[in-house]
C-alpha atoms as a PDB file:
ATOM      1  CA  GLY A   1     -51.172 -35.479 319.346  1.00  0.00           C
ATOM      2  CA  GLY A   2     -52.777 -38.499 317.656  1.00  0.00           C
ATOM      3  CA  GLU A   3     -55.169 -36.366 315.587  1.00  0.00           C
ATOM      4  CA  GLY A   4     -52.390 -34.239 314.122  1.00  0.00           C
ATOM      5  CA  GLU A   5     -50.383 -37.273 313.149  1.00  0.00           C
ATOM      6  CA  GLY A   6     -53.431 -39.015 311.724  1.00  0.00           C
ATOM      7  CA  GLY A   7     -54.367 -35.903 309.776  1.00  0.00           C
ATOM      8  CA  GLY A   8     -50.843 -35.652 308.399  1.00  0.00           C
ATOM      9  CA  GLU A   9     -50.897 -39.264 307.255  1.00  0.00           C
ATOM     10  CA  GLY A  10     -54.270 -38.774 305.655  1.00  0.00           C
ATOM     11  CA  GLY A  11     -52.992 -35.750 303.762  1.00  0.00           C
ATOM     12  CA  GLY A  12     -49.958 -37.741 302.602  1.00  0.00           C
ATOM     13  CA  ALA A  13     -52.175 -40.568 301.358  1.00  0.00           C
ATOM     14  CA  ALA A  14     -54.343 -38.085 299.468  1.00  0.00           C
ATOM     15  CA  ALA A  15     -51.257 -36.537 297.879  1.00  0.00           C
ATOM     16  CA  ARG A  16     -49.988 -39.983 296.892  1.00  0.00           C
ATOM     17  CA  ALA A  17     -53.370 -40.861 295.421  1.00  0.00           C
ATOM     18  CA  GLN A  18     -53.239 -37.769 293.215  1.00  0.00           C
ATOM     19  CA  ALA A  19     -49.685 -38.424 291.972  1.00  0.00           C
ATOM     20  CA  PRO A  20     -49.702 -39.556 288.335  1.00  0.00           C
ATOM     21  CA  ASP A  21     -49.189 -43.239 287.730  1.00  0.00           C
ATOM     22  CA  PRO A  22     -45.866 -43.720 285.885  1.00  0.00           C
ATOM     23  CA  ALA A  23     -47.460 -46.440 283.729  1.00  0.00           C
ATOM     24  CA  ALA A  24     -50.115 -43.961 282.596  1.00  0.00           C
ATOM     25  CA  LEU A  25     -47.386 -41.556 281.464  1.00  0.00           C
ATOM     26  CA  LEU A  26     -45.604 -44.226 279.448  1.00  0.00           C
ATOM     27  CA  GLY A  27     -45.904 -43.284 275.803  1.00  0.00           C
ATOM     28  CA  SER A  28     -47.697 -40.003 276.402  1.00  0.00           C
ATOM     29  CA  ILE A  29     -44.557 -37.914 275.997  1.00  0.00           C
ATOM     30  CA  SER A  30     -43.209 -39.884 273.034  1.00  0.00           C
ATOM     31  CA  SER A  31     -46.600 -39.662 271.321  1.00  0.00           C
ATOM     32  CA  CYS A  32     -45.936 -35.944 270.929  1.00  0.00           C
ATOM     33  CA  PHE A  33     -43.279 -36.892 268.371  1.00  0.00           C
ATOM     34  CA  ASP A  34     -45.478 -39.242 266.311  1.00  0.00           C
ATOM     35  CA  SER A  35     -46.269 -36.700 263.625  1.00  0.00           C
ATOM     36  CA  TYR A  36     -42.567 -35.929 263.169  1.00  0.00           C
ATOM     37  CA  MET A  37     -41.326 -39.518 262.915  1.00  0.00           C
ATOM     38  CA  SER A  38     -41.808 -39.593 259.146  1.00  0.00           C
ATOM     39  CA  ILE A  39     -38.657 -37.462 259.018  1.00  0.00           C
ATOM     40  CA  TYR A  40     -36.794 -40.209 260.878  1.00  0.00           C
ATOM     41  CA  VAL A  41     -38.162 -42.895 258.532  1.00  0.00           C
ATOM     42  CA  SER A  42     -37.155 -40.783 255.510  1.00  0.00           C
ATOM     43  CA  LEU A  43     -33.645 -40.428 256.903  1.00  0.00           C
ATOM     44  CA  GLU A  44     -33.362 -44.206 257.434  1.00  0.00           C
ATOM     45  CA  ASP A  45     -34.626 -44.726 253.868  1.00  0.00           C
ATOM     46  CA  LYS A  46     -32.031 -42.306 252.519  1.00  0.00           C
ATOM     47  CA  GLN A  47     -29.192 -43.859 254.533  1.00  0.00           C
ATOM     48  CA  ILE A  48     -30.041 -47.403 253.456  1.00  0.00           C
ATOM     49  CA  GLY A  49     -30.461 -46.281 249.845  1.00  0.00           C
ATOM     50  CA  GLU A  50     -27.081 -44.575 249.843  1.00  0.00           C
ATOM     51  CA  ALA A  51     -25.431 -47.574 251.497  1.00  0.00           C
ATOM     52  CA  LEU A  52     -27.026 -49.936 248.968  1.00  0.00           C
ATOM     53  CA  ALA A  53     -25.902 -47.785 246.028  1.00  0.00           C
ATOM     54  CA  LYS A  54     -22.353 -47.779 247.374  1.00  0.00           C
ATOM     55  CA  LEU A  55     -22.442 -51.541 247.959  1.00  0.00           C
ATOM     56  CA  LEU A  56     -23.736 -52.245 244.458  1.00  0.00           C
ATOM     57  CA  GLU A  57     -21.123 -49.949 242.943  1.00  0.00           C
ATOM     58  CA  GLY A  58     -18.325 -51.859 244.657  1.00  0.00           C
ATOM     59  CA  GLU A  59     -19.747 -55.369 244.147  1.00  0.00           C
ATOM     60  CA  THR A  60     -17.632 -57.667 241.969  1.00  0.00           C
ATOM     61  CA  TRP A  61     -20.479 -60.199 241.531  1.00  0.00           C
ATOM     62  CA  GLN A  62     -17.964 -62.958 242.118  1.00  0.00           C
ATOM     63  CA  VAL A  63     -18.314 -65.644 244.752  1.00  0.00           C
ATOM     64  CA  ALA A  64     -15.994 -68.434 245.779  1.00  0.00           C
ATOM     65  CA  ALA A  65     -16.854 -71.803 244.221  1.00  0.00           C
ATOM     66  CA  ALA A  66     -15.830 -73.594 247.416  1.00  0.00           C
ATOM     67  CA  GLY A  67     -14.582 -72.885 250.879  1.00  0.00           C
ATOM     68  CA  ARG A  68     -16.237 -71.189 253.796  1.00  0.00           C
ATOM     69  CA  PRO A  69     -19.971 -70.636 253.382  1.00  0.00           C
ATOM     70  CA  ASP A  70     -19.622 -66.897 253.998  1.00  0.00           C
ATOM     71  CA  GLY A  71     -17.194 -66.744 251.073  1.00  0.00           C
ATOM     72  CA  ARG A  72     -19.949 -68.008 248.787  1.00  0.00           C
ATOM     73  CA  VAL A  73     -22.187 -65.005 249.439  1.00  0.00           C
ATOM     74  CA  PHE A  74     -21.971 -61.636 247.722  1.00  0.00           C
ATOM     75  CA  THR A  75     -20.219 -59.062 249.872  1.00  0.00           C
ATOM     76  CA  SER A  76     -23.006 -56.593 249.140  1.00  0.00           C
ATOM     77  CA  SER A  77     -25.547 -59.055 250.527  1.00  0.00           C
ATOM     78  CA  LYS A  78     -23.722 -59.409 253.824  1.00  0.00           C
ATOM     79  CA  GLU A  79     -23.231 -55.658 254.131  1.00  0.00           C
ATOM     80  CA  LEU A  80     -26.856 -54.903 253.229  1.00  0.00           C
ATOM     81  CA  PHE A  81     -28.128 -57.173 255.982  1.00  0.00           C
ATOM     82  CA  ILE A  82     -25.729 -55.586 258.456  1.00  0.00           C
ATOM     83  CA  ALA A  83     -27.095 -52.150 257.491  1.00  0.00           C
ATOM     84  CA  LEU A  84     -30.681 -53.402 257.879  1.00  0.00           C
ATOM     85  CA  LYS A  85     -29.880 -54.900 261.268  1.00  0.00           C
ATOM     86  CA  ARG A  86     -28.443 -51.583 262.448  1.00  0.00           C
ATOM     87  CA  SER A  87     -31.556 -49.794 261.206  1.00  0.00           C
ATOM     88  CA  PHE A  88     -33.720 -52.338 263.018  1.00  0.00           C
ATOM     89  CA  LYS A  89     -31.826 -51.788 266.279  1.00  0.00           C
ATOM     90  CA  ARG A  90     -32.213 -48.026 265.984  1.00  0.00           C
ATOM     91  CA  GLY A  91     -35.918 -48.407 265.192  1.00  0.00           C
ATOM     92  CA  THR A  92     -36.686 -50.802 268.031  1.00  0.00           C
ATOM     93  CA  ALA A  93     -34.907 -48.538 270.494  1.00  0.00           C
ATOM     94  CA  LEU A  94     -37.627 -45.954 269.824  1.00  0.00           C
ATOM     95  CA  GLN A  95     -40.340 -48.407 270.938  1.00  0.00           C
ATOM     96  CA  MET A  96     -42.860 -46.910 268.522  1.00  0.00           C
ATOM     97  CA  ASP A  97     -44.982 -49.421 266.615  1.00  0.00           C
ATOM     98  CA  ALA A  98     -45.932 -47.018 263.825  1.00  0.00           C
ATOM     99  CA  VAL A  99     -42.266 -46.243 263.143  1.00  0.00           C
ATOM    100  CA  LEU A 100     -41.365 -49.926 262.957  1.00  0.00           C
ATOM    101  CA  PHE A 101     -44.272 -50.511 260.598  1.00  0.00           C
ATOM    102  CA  GLU A 102     -43.033 -47.775 258.269  1.00  0.00           C
ATOM    103  CA  LEU A 103     -39.433 -48.986 258.568  1.00  0.00           C
ATOM    104  CA  GLN A 104     -40.398 -52.507 257.482  1.00  0.00           C
ATOM    105  CA  ARG A 105     -41.764 -50.958 254.291  1.00  0.00           C
ATOM    106  CA  VAL A 106     -38.442 -49.172 253.756  1.00  0.00           C
ATOM    107  CA  TRP A 107     -36.464 -52.371 254.380  1.00  0.00           C
ATOM    108  CA  GLY A 108     -38.699 -54.307 251.990  1.00  0.00           C
ATOM    109  CA  LYS A 109     -38.257 -51.667 249.300  1.00  0.00           C
ATOM    110  CA  HIS A 110     -34.480 -51.905 249.490  1.00  0.00           C
ATOM    111  CA  LEU A 111     -34.474 -55.703 249.654  1.00  0.00           C
ATOM    112  CA  ARG A 112     -36.646 -55.832 246.519  1.00  0.00           C
ATOM    113  CA  ALA A 113     -34.296 -53.388 244.759  1.00  0.00           C
ATOM    114  CA  TYR A 114     -31.314 -55.541 245.731  1.00  0.00           C
ATOM    115  CA  ALA A 115     -33.060 -58.737 244.606  1.00  0.00           C
ATOM    116  CA  LYS A 116     -33.816 -57.118 241.244  1.00  0.00           C
ATOM    117  CA  ARG A 117     -30.165 -56.164 240.823  1.00  0.00           C
ATOM    118  CA  VAL A 118     -29.001 -59.684 241.718  1.00  0.00           C
ATOM    119  CA  GLN A 119     -31.510 -61.135 239.269  1.00  0.00           C
ATOM    120  CA  GLU A 120     -30.125 -58.870 236.543  1.00  0.00           C
ATOM    121  CA  LYS A 121     -26.666 -60.300 237.209  1.00  0.00           C
ATOM    122  CA  LEU A 122     -27.784 -63.949 237.001  1.00  0.00           C
ATOM    123  CA  PRO A 123     -26.991 -65.746 233.770  1.00  0.00           C
ATOM    124  CA  PRO A 124     -29.993 -66.117 231.461  1.00  0.00           C
ATOM    125  CA  PRO A 125     -31.894 -69.416 231.615  1.00  0.00           C
ATOM    126  CA  GLY A 126     -30.325 -71.924 229.230  1.00  0.00           C
ATOM    127  CA  GLY A 127     -27.372 -69.621 228.623  1.00  0.00           C
ATOM    128  CA  PRO A 128     -23.781 -69.935 229.829  1.00  0.00           C
ATOM    129  CA  GLY A 129     -23.668 -71.345 233.340  1.00  0.00           C
ATOM    130  CA  GLY A 130     -26.930 -73.202 232.895  1.00  0.00           C
ATOM    131  CA  GLY A 131     -29.063 -70.315 234.153  1.00  0.00           C
ATOM    132  CA  SER A 132     -29.301 -71.682 237.656  1.00  0.00           C
ATOM    133  CA  LEU A 133     -28.292 -70.411 241.023  1.00  0.00           C
ATOM    134  CA  SER A 134     -25.713 -73.195 241.174  1.00  0.00           C
ATOM    135  CA  ALA A 135     -23.662 -71.160 238.703  1.00  0.00           C
ATOM    136  CA  LEU A 136     -23.196 -68.645 241.520  1.00  0.00           C
ATOM    137  CA  ALA A 137     -22.092 -71.416 243.911  1.00  0.00           C
ATOM    138  CA  PHE A 138     -24.748 -70.859 246.536  1.00  0.00           C
END
């Protein structure tokens, strides 16, 4: 009886040796979606762009001169960073480096657009308010 048992164990070991290593499979299935992830990045870009447009439309460009620090920040700024954080969480959940790389370009694009809009709203240098950020009570 020992040979039959030994043969059975040997066959089991051979079967286990041929089983795919789970670590080797990691990423192989998700890599099938790599060429389609530009659609996801485009959707994130569109969502952030729409959110930013809505935020800018509703911004009063007024900040509190004193009080809580969060009251001295534009509402659109706070909301934009919340939207970017949500996008970041969705992107990191995918665990795809190429997607995160493309998303950081999208985030940068929208941050630059927001910065340009804020700069347009700043008083001119030497004009009313002294042309400094202190006029906005930062």
